Amino acid sequence: MALSANAGSFNTRLPIPELATLIRDVAKILVTGGAGYIGSHTRYFLEKQGHTTVVLDSLERGDLRAVPAGMLRQIDLRDSTKVKQLLREEKIDAVIHFAAYMSVGESTERPELYFSNNVSGSLSLFAAMLESDVHCLVFSSTAAVYGIPSKVPITEDQPYAPINPYGESKVMVEKILGWLDRFRNLRSICLRYFNACGAEPASGLG
């Protein structure tokens, strides 16, 4: 997994350790896509570390059973007004953003779905965060941004070279985050990984 504190060629002004400390110390975290596989596990371990979490998921592809009762806010990320209302009412301190379509094959058959959901949905979230004075984000990207890597293991300084719309949609969001960091003070870390797997028996997840 590559951990990137930049989007494209734009270096964040907040170093990774400082951003990680900020996330560790915040009180309440919004987990988008928290009814999905990775999001639900992340929510579980955040709570074990003492954080308060709120889950945002449209349930279009998520599983209600993965979210504890009373924690889910069923909202489409593209509804920026509702997202902004949630951020303000819940007094969210930081966001971990997993919500996205993730099938490479489907993205080649219907690219427009991936640009609408993954890119437009993310941009809607970022606008709502800025309007709600929330400036700390972890973005679930993908190693698919590298396409066919020039060397293995992949290092995060390898260039973008996506070979499908799914990977391209993640590149677009990373670049948006680069500009928002530079001009709008939205601090972010991008996680680029492949094929998360496993289960957490104590939580009933996996």
N, C-alpha and C. Protein backbone atom coordinates (compact mmCIF):
# COMPACT_ATOMS: atom_id res chain seq x y z
N MET A 1 0.84 -1.19 0.00
CA MET A 1 0.00 0.00 0.00
C MET A 1 0.87 1.23 0.00
N ALA A 2 0.54 2.20 -0.82
CA ALA A 2 1.25 3.47 -0.84
C ALA A 2 0.46 4.50 -0.06
N LEU A 3 1.17 5.27 0.77
CA LEU A 3 0.55 6.34 1.53
C LEU A 3 1.05 7.66 0.98
N SER A 4 0.15 8.42 0.37
CA SER A 4 0.57 9.63 -0.30
C SER A 4 -0.03 10.85 0.37
N ALA A 5 0.81 11.83 0.67
CA ALA A 5 0.31 13.08 1.24
C ALA A 5 0.26 14.15 0.18
N ASN A 6 0.12 13.72 -1.06
CA ASN A 6 0.00 14.70 -2.13
C ASN A 6 -0.98 14.17 -3.15
N ALA A 7 -1.42 15.04 -4.02
CA ALA A 7 -2.25 14.64 -5.15
C ALA A 7 -1.55 15.15 -6.39
N GLY A 8 -1.17 14.24 -7.28
CA GLY A 8 -0.41 14.68 -8.44
C GLY A 8 0.93 15.20 -7.98
N SER A 9 1.28 16.41 -8.38
CA SER A 9 2.58 16.97 -8.03
C SER A 9 2.49 18.01 -6.94
N PHE A 10 1.33 18.09 -6.26
CA PHE A 10 1.14 19.14 -5.27
C PHE A 10 1.42 18.60 -3.88
N ASN A 11 2.46 19.08 -3.24
CA ASN A 11 2.80 18.60 -1.91
C ASN A 11 1.94 19.31 -0.88
N THR A 12 1.40 18.51 0.07
CA THR A 12 0.63 19.12 1.13
C THR A 12 1.53 19.92 2.05
N ARG A 13 0.96 20.96 2.64
CA ARG A 13 1.72 21.77 3.58
C ARG A 13 1.69 21.18 4.98
N LEU A 14 0.91 20.12 5.18
CA LEU A 14 0.84 19.46 6.48
C LEU A 14 1.49 18.09 6.38
N PRO A 15 2.63 17.86 7.05
CA PRO A 15 3.33 16.58 6.93
C PRO A 15 2.45 15.42 7.38
N ILE A 16 2.74 14.22 6.86
CA ILE A 16 1.94 13.05 7.20
C ILE A 16 1.87 12.82 8.72
N PRO A 17 2.97 12.86 9.47
CA PRO A 17 2.85 12.59 10.91
C PRO A 17 1.92 13.58 11.61
N GLU A 18 1.99 14.85 11.21
CA GLU A 18 1.14 15.85 11.83
C GLU A 18 -0.33 15.62 11.49
N LEU A 19 -0.61 15.27 10.23
CA LEU A 19 -1.98 14.99 9.84
C LEU A 19 -2.48 13.74 10.55
N ALA A 20 -1.65 12.72 10.65
CA ALA A 20 -2.05 11.50 11.33
C ALA A 20 -2.35 11.77 12.80
N THR A 21 -1.55 12.62 13.43
CA THR A 21 -1.79 12.98 14.82
C THR A 21 -3.11 13.71 14.97
N LEU A 22 -3.39 14.60 14.01
CA LEU A 22 -4.64 15.35 14.05
C LEU A 22 -5.83 14.40 13.97
N ILE A 23 -5.77 13.43 13.06
CA ILE A 23 -6.86 12.47 12.93
C ILE A 23 -6.99 11.63 14.20
N ARG A 24 -5.84 11.24 14.78
CA ARG A 24 -5.86 10.42 15.98
C ARG A 24 -6.53 11.14 17.14
N ASP A 25 -6.36 12.46 17.20
CA ASP A 25 -6.84 13.22 18.34
C ASP A 25 -8.25 13.77 18.18
N VAL A 26 -8.82 13.70 16.98
CA VAL A 26 -10.14 14.30 16.80
C VAL A 26 -11.20 13.48 17.49
N ALA A 27 -12.33 14.12 17.77
CA ALA A 27 -13.38 13.47 18.55
C ALA A 27 -14.34 12.67 17.69
N LYS A 28 -14.76 13.21 16.56
CA LYS A 28 -15.83 12.58 15.78
C LYS A 28 -15.44 12.50 14.32
N ILE A 29 -15.56 11.30 13.74
CA ILE A 29 -15.13 11.05 12.37
C ILE A 29 -16.31 10.53 11.54
N LEU A 30 -16.51 11.13 10.37
CA LEU A 30 -17.50 10.64 9.42
C LEU A 30 -16.84 9.62 8.51
N VAL A 31 -17.43 8.43 8.39
CA VAL A 31 -16.93 7.39 7.51
C VAL A 31 -17.92 7.25 6.36
N THR A 32 -17.53 7.73 5.17
CA THR A 32 -18.41 7.56 4.02
C THR A 32 -18.19 6.16 3.44
N GLY A 33 -19.27 5.55 2.95
CA GLY A 33 -19.14 4.17 2.51
C GLY A 33 -18.94 3.21 3.67
N GLY A 34 -19.41 3.60 4.83
CA GLY A 34 -19.18 2.82 6.05
C GLY A 34 -20.00 1.55 6.15
N ALA A 35 -20.91 1.31 5.18
CA ALA A 35 -21.63 0.04 5.14
C ALA A 35 -20.96 -0.94 4.18
N GLY A 36 -19.82 -0.55 3.62
CA GLY A 36 -19.05 -1.43 2.74
C GLY A 36 -18.03 -2.23 3.53
N TYR A 37 -17.30 -3.07 2.82
CA TYR A 37 -16.36 -3.99 3.47
C TYR A 37 -15.24 -3.25 4.21
N ILE A 38 -14.52 -2.38 3.51
CA ILE A 38 -13.39 -1.69 4.14
C ILE A 38 -13.89 -0.63 5.11
N GLY A 39 -14.92 0.10 4.70
CA GLY A 39 -15.45 1.16 5.56
C GLY A 39 -15.98 0.63 6.88
N SER A 40 -16.66 -0.53 6.86
CA SER A 40 -17.22 -1.06 8.10
C SER A 40 -16.12 -1.53 9.05
N HIS A 41 -15.06 -2.13 8.50
CA HIS A 41 -13.95 -2.52 9.35
C HIS A 41 -13.24 -1.30 9.93
N THR A 42 -13.07 -0.26 9.12
CA THR A 42 -12.43 0.96 9.61
C THR A 42 -13.24 1.57 10.73
N ARG A 43 -14.54 1.65 10.54
CA ARG A 43 -15.42 2.19 11.59
C ARG A 43 -15.26 1.41 12.88
N TYR A 44 -15.22 0.09 12.78
CA TYR A 44 -15.09 -0.75 13.96
C TYR A 44 -13.80 -0.45 14.72
N PHE A 45 -12.68 -0.38 14.00
CA PHE A 45 -11.40 -0.16 14.67
C PHE A 45 -11.25 1.29 15.16
N LEU A 46 -11.88 2.24 14.49
CA LEU A 46 -11.88 3.61 15.02
C LEU A 46 -12.56 3.64 16.39
N GLU A 47 -13.67 2.96 16.49
CA GLU A 47 -14.39 2.94 17.76
C GLU A 47 -13.59 2.25 18.84
N LYS A 48 -12.85 1.19 18.48
CA LYS A 48 -12.01 0.51 19.46
C LYS A 48 -10.90 1.43 19.98
N GLN A 49 -10.51 2.41 19.14
CA GLN A 49 -9.48 3.37 19.54
C GLN A 49 -10.07 4.57 20.28
N GLY A 50 -11.38 4.55 20.51
CA GLY A 50 -12.00 5.60 21.31
C GLY A 50 -12.65 6.73 20.54
N HIS A 51 -12.69 6.63 19.19
CA HIS A 51 -13.33 7.67 18.40
C HIS A 51 -14.84 7.49 18.39
N THR A 52 -15.53 8.58 18.19
CA THR A 52 -16.96 8.55 17.88
C THR A 52 -17.09 8.60 16.37
N THR A 53 -17.91 7.74 15.79
CA THR A 53 -18.05 7.71 14.34
C THR A 53 -19.50 7.87 13.93
N VAL A 54 -19.65 8.40 12.72
CA VAL A 54 -20.95 8.47 12.05
C VAL A 54 -20.74 7.87 10.67
N VAL A 55 -21.67 7.04 10.22
CA VAL A 55 -21.56 6.39 8.92
C VAL A 55 -22.50 7.04 7.92
N LEU A 56 -21.96 7.43 6.78
CA LEU A 56 -22.76 7.90 5.65
C LEU A 56 -22.67 6.86 4.54
N ASP A 57 -23.81 6.38 4.09
CA ASP A 57 -23.83 5.41 3.00
C ASP A 57 -25.21 5.47 2.34
N SER A 58 -25.22 5.40 1.03
CA SER A 58 -26.49 5.41 0.30
C SER A 58 -27.18 4.05 0.36
N LEU A 59 -26.43 3.02 0.73
CA LEU A 59 -26.88 1.62 0.75
C LEU A 59 -27.17 1.08 -0.65
N GLU A 60 -26.78 1.83 -1.69
CA GLU A 60 -26.94 1.31 -3.04
C GLU A 60 -26.15 0.01 -3.21
N ARG A 61 -24.95 -0.01 -2.61
CA ARG A 61 -24.11 -1.21 -2.68
C ARG A 61 -23.58 -1.63 -1.32
N GLY A 62 -23.95 -0.90 -0.29
CA GLY A 62 -23.53 -1.25 1.05
C GLY A 62 -24.50 -2.22 1.70
N ASP A 63 -24.13 -2.68 2.89
CA ASP A 63 -24.92 -3.68 3.61
C ASP A 63 -25.31 -3.09 4.96
N LEU A 64 -26.61 -2.91 5.17
CA LEU A 64 -27.10 -2.32 6.41
C LEU A 64 -26.64 -3.11 7.63
N ARG A 65 -26.46 -4.43 7.47
CA ARG A 65 -26.06 -5.26 8.60
C ARG A 65 -24.65 -4.94 9.10
N ALA A 66 -23.87 -4.22 8.30
CA ALA A 66 -22.50 -3.89 8.69
C ALA A 66 -22.42 -2.64 9.56
N VAL A 67 -23.57 -1.99 9.79
CA VAL A 67 -23.59 -0.74 10.55
C VAL A 67 -24.43 -0.92 11.81
N PRO A 68 -23.88 -0.58 12.97
CA PRO A 68 -24.67 -0.68 14.20
C PRO A 68 -25.93 0.17 14.14
N ALA A 69 -26.95 -0.26 14.84
CA ALA A 69 -28.24 0.44 14.84
C ALA A 69 -28.06 1.89 15.28
N GLY A 70 -28.70 2.79 14.56
CA GLY A 70 -28.70 4.20 14.92
C GLY A 70 -27.52 5.00 14.41
N MET A 71 -26.55 4.33 13.79
CA MET A 71 -25.33 5.03 13.36
C MET A 71 -25.39 5.48 11.90
N LEU A 72 -26.23 4.84 11.08
CA LEU A 72 -26.24 5.11 9.64
C LEU A 72 -27.02 6.37 9.30
N ARG A 73 -26.44 7.16 8.39
CA ARG A 73 -27.16 8.27 7.76
C ARG A 73 -27.21 7.93 6.27
N GLN A 74 -28.38 7.57 5.79
CA GLN A 74 -28.53 7.11 4.40
C GLN A 74 -28.67 8.32 3.48
N ILE A 75 -27.56 8.71 2.86
CA ILE A 75 -27.49 9.92 2.04
C ILE A 75 -26.63 9.61 0.82
N ASP A 76 -27.03 10.13 -0.33
CA ASP A 76 -26.19 10.08 -1.52
C ASP A 76 -25.21 11.24 -1.44
N LEU A 77 -23.92 10.95 -1.62
CA LEU A 77 -22.90 11.99 -1.50
C LEU A 77 -23.13 13.15 -2.46
N ARG A 78 -23.80 12.90 -3.57
CA ARG A 78 -24.03 13.96 -4.54
C ARG A 78 -25.06 14.97 -4.08
N ASP A 79 -25.73 14.69 -2.97
CA ASP A 79 -26.66 15.65 -2.37
C ASP A 79 -25.88 16.49 -1.37
N SER A 80 -25.19 17.50 -1.88
CA SER A 80 -24.27 18.29 -1.06
C SER A 80 -24.98 19.00 0.08
N THR A 81 -26.23 19.39 -0.13
CA THR A 81 -26.97 20.08 0.93
C THR A 81 -27.17 19.18 2.13
N LYS A 82 -27.56 17.93 1.89
CA LYS A 82 -27.75 16.99 3.00
C LYS A 82 -26.43 16.62 3.65
N VAL A 83 -25.39 16.50 2.85
CA VAL A 83 -24.08 16.18 3.42
C VAL A 83 -23.62 17.33 4.32
N LYS A 84 -23.78 18.53 3.86
CA LYS A 84 -23.39 19.70 4.66
C LYS A 84 -24.19 19.75 5.96
N GLN A 85 -25.49 19.48 5.88
CA GLN A 85 -26.33 19.48 7.07
C GLN A 85 -25.85 18.44 8.07
N LEU A 86 -25.49 17.26 7.58
CA LEU A 86 -24.97 16.20 8.45
C LEU A 86 -23.68 16.62 9.13
N LEU A 87 -22.74 17.17 8.36
CA LEU A 87 -21.46 17.58 8.92
C LEU A 87 -21.64 18.60 10.04
N ARG A 88 -22.57 19.52 9.84
CA ARG A 88 -22.79 20.57 10.83
C ARG A 88 -23.54 20.06 12.05
N GLU A 89 -24.59 19.28 11.81
CA GLU A 89 -25.39 18.79 12.93
C GLU A 89 -24.60 17.84 13.82
N GLU A 90 -23.77 17.01 13.20
CA GLU A 90 -22.99 16.03 13.97
C GLU A 90 -21.66 16.60 14.48
N LYS A 91 -21.35 17.84 14.06
CA LYS A 91 -20.09 18.47 14.47
C LYS A 91 -18.89 17.56 14.16
N ILE A 92 -18.81 17.19 12.89
CA ILE A 92 -17.76 16.29 12.43
C ILE A 92 -16.41 17.00 12.42
N ASP A 93 -15.36 16.30 12.87
CA ASP A 93 -14.01 16.85 12.89
C ASP A 93 -13.17 16.43 11.70
N ALA A 94 -13.43 15.22 11.17
CA ALA A 94 -12.62 14.69 10.06
C ALA A 94 -13.46 13.68 9.30
N VAL A 95 -13.03 13.40 8.07
CA VAL A 95 -13.76 12.47 7.20
C VAL A 95 -12.79 11.42 6.67
N ILE A 96 -13.22 10.17 6.68
CA ILE A 96 -12.52 9.10 5.97
C ILE A 96 -13.45 8.67 4.85
N HIS A 97 -13.00 8.84 3.62
CA HIS A 97 -13.88 8.76 2.44
C HIS A 97 -13.64 7.47 1.65
N PHE A 98 -14.54 6.50 1.85
CA PHE A 98 -14.48 5.23 1.13
C PHE A 98 -15.53 5.13 0.03
N ALA A 99 -16.59 5.92 0.12
CA ALA A 99 -17.75 5.73 -0.77
C ALA A 99 -17.36 5.87 -2.24
N ALA A 100 -17.54 4.79 -3.00
CA ALA A 100 -17.21 4.80 -4.42
C ALA A 100 -17.63 3.49 -5.05
N TYR A 101 -17.86 3.52 -6.36
CA TYR A 101 -17.98 2.28 -7.12
C TYR A 101 -16.57 1.76 -7.34
N MET A 102 -16.41 0.42 -7.41
CA MET A 102 -15.05 -0.12 -7.41
C MET A 102 -14.83 -1.31 -8.34
N SER A 103 -15.73 -1.55 -9.26
CA SER A 103 -15.54 -2.67 -10.18
C SER A 103 -14.85 -2.21 -11.46
N VAL A 104 -13.66 -2.71 -11.69
CA VAL A 104 -12.91 -2.32 -12.89
C VAL A 104 -13.68 -2.70 -14.14
N GLY A 105 -14.21 -3.93 -14.18
CA GLY A 105 -14.94 -4.37 -15.36
C GLY A 105 -16.15 -3.51 -15.65
N GLU A 106 -16.95 -3.23 -14.63
CA GLU A 106 -18.13 -2.39 -14.82
C GLU A 106 -17.74 -1.00 -15.28
N SER A 107 -16.60 -0.50 -14.79
CA SER A 107 -16.20 0.86 -15.18
C SER A 107 -15.89 0.97 -16.65
N THR A 108 -15.47 -0.15 -17.27
CA THR A 108 -15.20 -0.12 -18.71
C THR A 108 -16.48 -0.23 -19.53
N GLU A 109 -17.53 -0.77 -18.92
CA GLU A 109 -18.81 -0.89 -19.61
C GLU A 109 -19.66 0.36 -19.47
N ARG A 110 -19.56 1.01 -18.31
CA ARG A 110 -20.36 2.22 -18.05
C ARG A 110 -19.50 3.27 -17.36
N PRO A 111 -18.54 3.84 -18.07
CA PRO A 111 -17.64 4.82 -17.46
C PRO A 111 -18.37 5.99 -16.83
N GLU A 112 -19.49 6.40 -17.43
CA GLU A 112 -20.20 7.58 -16.94
C GLU A 112 -20.68 7.39 -15.50
N LEU A 113 -21.00 6.16 -15.11
CA LEU A 113 -21.41 5.89 -13.73
C LEU A 113 -20.28 6.19 -12.76
N TYR A 114 -19.08 5.84 -13.17
CA TYR A 114 -17.92 6.00 -12.28
C TYR A 114 -17.50 7.45 -12.15
N PHE A 115 -17.59 8.21 -13.21
CA PHE A 115 -17.25 9.62 -13.11
C PHE A 115 -18.33 10.38 -12.34
N SER A 116 -19.58 9.98 -12.50
CA SER A 116 -20.66 10.64 -11.76
C SER A 116 -20.57 10.33 -10.28
N ASN A 117 -20.44 9.04 -9.93
CA ASN A 117 -20.45 8.66 -8.52
C ASN A 117 -19.12 8.97 -7.84
N ASN A 118 -18.03 8.52 -8.41
CA ASN A 118 -16.74 8.64 -7.73
C ASN A 118 -16.19 10.05 -7.74
N VAL A 119 -16.33 10.75 -8.87
CA VAL A 119 -15.77 12.10 -8.98
C VAL A 119 -16.76 13.14 -8.50
N SER A 120 -17.96 13.15 -9.06
CA SER A 120 -18.94 14.15 -8.65
C SER A 120 -19.33 13.98 -7.18
N GLY A 121 -19.47 12.72 -6.75
CA GLY A 121 -19.79 12.49 -5.35
C GLY A 121 -18.70 13.01 -4.42
N SER A 122 -17.46 12.78 -4.79
CA SER A 122 -16.34 13.27 -3.97
C SER A 122 -16.30 14.79 -3.95
N LEU A 123 -16.48 15.40 -5.09
CA LEU A 123 -16.44 16.86 -5.15
C LEU A 123 -17.57 17.46 -4.31
N SER A 124 -18.73 16.83 -4.34
CA SER A 124 -19.85 17.28 -3.50
C SER A 124 -19.48 17.21 -2.02
N LEU A 125 -18.84 16.11 -1.63
CA LEU A 125 -18.40 15.96 -0.25
C LEU A 125 -17.40 17.03 0.13
N PHE A 126 -16.42 17.27 -0.74
CA PHE A 126 -15.38 18.25 -0.41
C PHE A 126 -15.97 19.66 -0.28
N ALA A 127 -16.91 20.00 -1.15
CA ALA A 127 -17.55 21.32 -1.05
C ALA A 127 -18.30 21.44 0.26
N ALA A 128 -19.01 20.39 0.64
CA ALA A 128 -19.75 20.42 1.90
C ALA A 128 -18.79 20.52 3.09
N MET A 129 -17.66 19.85 3.03
CA MET A 129 -16.67 19.94 4.10
C MET A 129 -16.16 21.36 4.25
N LEU A 130 -15.81 21.98 3.14
CA LEU A 130 -15.27 23.34 3.20
C LEU A 130 -16.31 24.32 3.75
N GLU A 131 -17.56 24.15 3.34
CA GLU A 131 -18.61 25.04 3.83
C GLU A 131 -18.94 24.79 5.29
N SER A 132 -18.52 23.64 5.80
CA SER A 132 -18.79 23.28 7.20
C SER A 132 -17.54 23.39 8.07
N ASP A 133 -16.46 23.92 7.49
CA ASP A 133 -15.20 24.13 8.21
C ASP A 133 -14.60 22.81 8.70
N VAL A 134 -14.69 21.79 7.86
CA VAL A 134 -14.04 20.50 8.13
C VAL A 134 -12.89 20.37 7.14
N HIS A 135 -11.65 20.29 7.63
CA HIS A 135 -10.48 20.40 6.76
C HIS A 135 -9.52 19.22 6.86
N CYS A 136 -10.00 18.09 7.34
CA CYS A 136 -9.13 16.94 7.52
C CYS A 136 -9.76 15.72 6.87
N LEU A 137 -9.07 15.09 5.90
CA LEU A 137 -9.64 14.02 5.10
C LEU A 137 -8.63 12.91 4.86
N VAL A 138 -9.09 11.66 4.95
CA VAL A 138 -8.35 10.51 4.44
C VAL A 138 -9.16 9.98 3.26
N PHE A 139 -8.52 9.88 2.10
CA PHE A 139 -9.20 9.44 0.89
C PHE A 139 -8.77 8.04 0.51
N SER A 140 -9.74 7.16 0.33
CA SER A 140 -9.47 5.80 -0.11
C SER A 140 -9.30 5.79 -1.62
N SER A 141 -8.06 5.83 -2.07
CA SER A 141 -7.76 5.79 -3.49
C SER A 141 -7.48 4.34 -3.88
N THR A 142 -6.61 4.11 -4.81
CA THR A 142 -6.34 2.75 -5.28
C THR A 142 -4.99 2.69 -5.97
N ALA A 143 -4.34 1.54 -5.92
CA ALA A 143 -3.11 1.35 -6.68
C ALA A 143 -3.39 1.28 -8.17
N ALA A 144 -4.67 1.22 -8.56
CA ALA A 144 -5.03 1.25 -9.98
C ALA A 144 -4.67 2.58 -10.63
N VAL A 145 -4.33 3.60 -9.84
CA VAL A 145 -3.90 4.87 -10.44
C VAL A 145 -2.59 4.69 -11.19
N TYR A 146 -1.83 3.63 -10.88
CA TYR A 146 -0.55 3.40 -11.53
C TYR A 146 -0.67 2.58 -12.81
N GLY A 147 -1.85 1.99 -13.06
CA GLY A 147 -2.00 1.15 -14.24
C GLY A 147 -1.08 -0.06 -14.17
N ILE A 148 -0.33 -0.30 -15.23
CA ILE A 148 0.67 -1.37 -15.24
C ILE A 148 1.98 -0.76 -14.74
N PRO A 149 2.40 -1.06 -13.53
CA PRO A 149 3.55 -0.35 -12.94
C PRO A 149 4.85 -0.64 -13.68
N SER A 150 5.71 0.35 -13.68
CA SER A 150 7.01 0.20 -14.34
C SER A 150 7.97 -0.63 -13.51
N LYS A 151 7.69 -0.76 -12.21
CA LYS A 151 8.52 -1.59 -11.33
C LYS A 151 7.68 -2.05 -10.16
N VAL A 152 8.10 -3.16 -9.57
CA VAL A 152 7.43 -3.74 -8.41
C VAL A 152 8.48 -4.05 -7.36
N PRO A 153 8.26 -3.72 -6.09
CA PRO A 153 7.03 -3.12 -5.55
C PRO A 153 6.84 -1.68 -6.03
N ILE A 154 5.58 -1.27 -6.05
CA ILE A 154 5.23 0.08 -6.50
C ILE A 154 5.62 1.09 -5.44
N THR A 155 6.25 2.16 -5.85
CA THR A 155 6.53 3.29 -4.96
C THR A 155 5.62 4.45 -5.35
N GLU A 156 5.28 5.27 -4.38
CA GLU A 156 4.27 6.29 -4.63
C GLU A 156 4.74 7.39 -5.58
N ASP A 157 6.02 7.44 -5.90
CA ASP A 157 6.48 8.46 -6.84
C ASP A 157 6.35 8.01 -8.30
N GLN A 158 5.85 6.81 -8.53
CA GLN A 158 5.61 6.41 -9.91
C GLN A 158 4.47 7.24 -10.49
N PRO A 159 4.50 7.52 -11.79
CA PRO A 159 3.50 8.43 -12.39
C PRO A 159 2.14 7.78 -12.50
N TYR A 160 1.13 8.64 -12.56
CA TYR A 160 -0.22 8.17 -12.86
C TYR A 160 -0.23 7.54 -14.25
N ALA A 161 -0.88 6.38 -14.37
CA ALA A 161 -1.02 5.74 -15.68
C ALA A 161 -2.21 4.79 -15.67
N PRO A 162 -3.40 5.27 -15.29
CA PRO A 162 -4.55 4.37 -15.19
C PRO A 162 -4.93 3.79 -16.55
N ILE A 163 -5.45 2.56 -16.53
CA ILE A 163 -5.81 1.90 -17.78
C ILE A 163 -7.30 1.58 -17.84
N ASN A 164 -8.07 2.12 -16.89
CA ASN A 164 -9.52 1.92 -16.90
C ASN A 164 -10.19 3.11 -16.23
N PRO A 165 -11.48 3.30 -16.47
CA PRO A 165 -12.19 4.45 -15.90
C PRO A 165 -12.21 4.47 -14.37
N TYR A 166 -12.23 3.30 -13.75
CA TYR A 166 -12.17 3.28 -12.28
C TYR A 166 -10.89 3.95 -11.78
N GLY A 167 -9.74 3.51 -12.30
CA GLY A 167 -8.48 4.12 -11.89
C GLY A 167 -8.42 5.59 -12.23
N GLU A 168 -8.94 5.95 -13.40
CA GLU A 168 -8.95 7.36 -13.82
C GLU A 168 -9.81 8.20 -12.87
N SER A 169 -10.92 7.65 -12.42
CA SER A 169 -11.78 8.41 -11.50
C SER A 169 -11.05 8.72 -10.20
N LYS A 170 -10.23 7.80 -9.74
CA LYS A 170 -9.47 8.03 -8.51
C LYS A 170 -8.35 9.05 -8.74
N VAL A 171 -7.73 9.00 -9.91
CA VAL A 171 -6.72 10.01 -10.25
C VAL A 171 -7.35 11.40 -10.25
N MET A 172 -8.52 11.52 -10.83
CA MET A 172 -9.20 12.82 -10.89
C MET A 172 -9.46 13.36 -9.49
N VAL A 173 -9.90 12.49 -8.59
CA VAL A 173 -10.17 12.95 -7.22
C VAL A 173 -8.87 13.34 -6.52
N GLU A 174 -7.81 12.58 -6.71
CA GLU A 174 -6.54 12.96 -6.10
C GLU A 174 -6.07 14.33 -6.59
N LYS A 175 -6.25 14.59 -7.87
CA LYS A 175 -5.83 15.89 -8.41
C LYS A 175 -6.68 17.02 -7.85
N ILE A 176 -7.98 16.77 -7.72
CA ILE A 176 -8.86 17.77 -7.09
C ILE A 176 -8.37 18.07 -5.68
N LEU A 177 -8.02 17.04 -4.95
CA LEU A 177 -7.53 17.24 -3.58
C LEU A 177 -6.24 18.05 -3.56
N GLY A 178 -5.40 17.86 -4.57
CA GLY A 178 -4.17 18.65 -4.64
C GLY A 178 -4.45 20.14 -4.73
N TRP A 179 -5.40 20.50 -5.59
CA TRP A 179 -5.78 21.91 -5.74
C TRP A 179 -6.46 22.44 -4.48
N LEU A 180 -7.30 21.62 -3.86
CA LEU A 180 -8.00 22.07 -2.65
C LEU A 180 -7.04 22.23 -1.49
N ASP A 181 -6.00 21.42 -1.45
CA ASP A 181 -4.97 21.60 -0.43
C ASP A 181 -4.22 22.92 -0.66
N ARG A 182 -3.89 23.18 -1.91
CA ARG A 182 -3.08 24.36 -2.21
C ARG A 182 -3.84 25.66 -1.97
N PHE A 183 -5.10 25.69 -2.34
CA PHE A 183 -5.83 26.96 -2.33
C PHE A 183 -6.97 27.04 -1.31
N ARG A 184 -7.40 25.90 -0.75
CA ARG A 184 -8.55 25.93 0.15
C ARG A 184 -8.27 25.30 1.51
N ASN A 185 -7.02 24.93 1.77
CA ASN A 185 -6.62 24.43 3.09
C ASN A 185 -7.33 23.15 3.48
N LEU A 186 -7.70 22.33 2.51
CA LEU A 186 -8.27 21.02 2.80
C LEU A 186 -7.13 20.01 2.83
N ARG A 187 -6.76 19.54 4.03
CA ARG A 187 -5.64 18.65 4.21
C ARG A 187 -6.07 17.20 3.98
N SER A 188 -5.26 16.44 3.26
CA SER A 188 -5.68 15.08 2.94
C SER A 188 -4.50 14.13 2.83
N ILE A 189 -4.81 12.86 3.05
CA ILE A 189 -3.90 11.74 2.78
C ILE A 189 -4.64 10.80 1.84
N CYS A 190 -3.95 10.30 0.81
CA CYS A 190 -4.54 9.36 -0.13
C CYS A 190 -3.92 7.98 0.09
N LEU A 191 -4.76 7.00 0.31
CA LEU A 191 -4.30 5.61 0.49
C LEU A 191 -4.49 4.87 -0.83
N ARG A 192 -3.41 4.34 -1.37
CA ARG A 192 -3.46 3.63 -2.65
C ARG A 192 -3.15 2.15 -2.38
N TYR A 193 -4.15 1.32 -2.51
CA TYR A 193 -3.96 -0.09 -2.15
C TYR A 193 -4.76 -0.98 -3.09
N PHE A 194 -4.45 -2.27 -3.06
CA PHE A 194 -5.14 -3.29 -3.84
C PHE A 194 -5.68 -4.37 -2.91
N ASN A 195 -6.83 -4.91 -3.22
CA ASN A 195 -7.30 -6.21 -2.72
C ASN A 195 -7.22 -6.37 -1.20
N ALA A 196 -7.87 -5.45 -0.49
CA ALA A 196 -8.00 -5.63 0.96
C ALA A 196 -8.82 -6.88 1.23
N CYS A 197 -8.41 -7.66 2.24
CA CYS A 197 -9.14 -8.89 2.53
C CYS A 197 -8.97 -9.24 4.00
N GLY A 198 -9.78 -10.19 4.45
CA GLY A 198 -9.71 -10.63 5.83
C GLY A 198 -11.02 -10.40 6.55
N ALA A 199 -11.07 -10.77 7.82
CA ALA A 199 -12.27 -10.64 8.62
C ALA A 199 -11.90 -10.32 10.05
N GLU A 200 -12.84 -9.78 10.78
CA GLU A 200 -12.67 -9.49 12.20
C GLU A 200 -13.78 -10.23 12.96
N PRO A 201 -13.51 -11.46 13.39
CA PRO A 201 -14.56 -12.28 14.01
C PRO A 201 -15.26 -11.60 15.19
N ALA A 202 -14.52 -10.84 15.99
CA ALA A 202 -15.12 -10.22 17.17
C ALA A 202 -16.21 -9.23 16.78
N SER A 203 -16.11 -8.67 15.59
CA SER A 203 -17.07 -7.66 15.16
C SER A 203 -18.20 -8.25 14.33
N GLY A 204 -18.02 -9.49 13.86
CA GLY A 204 -19.00 -10.08 12.96
C GLY A 204 -18.87 -9.58 11.54
N LEU A 205 -17.75 -8.91 11.22
CA LEU A 205 -17.53 -8.34 9.89
C LEU A 205 -16.57 -9.20 9.09
N GLY A 206 -16.74 -9.15 7.76
CA GLY A 206 -15.78 -9.83 6.90
C GLY A 206 -16.42 -10.94 6.08
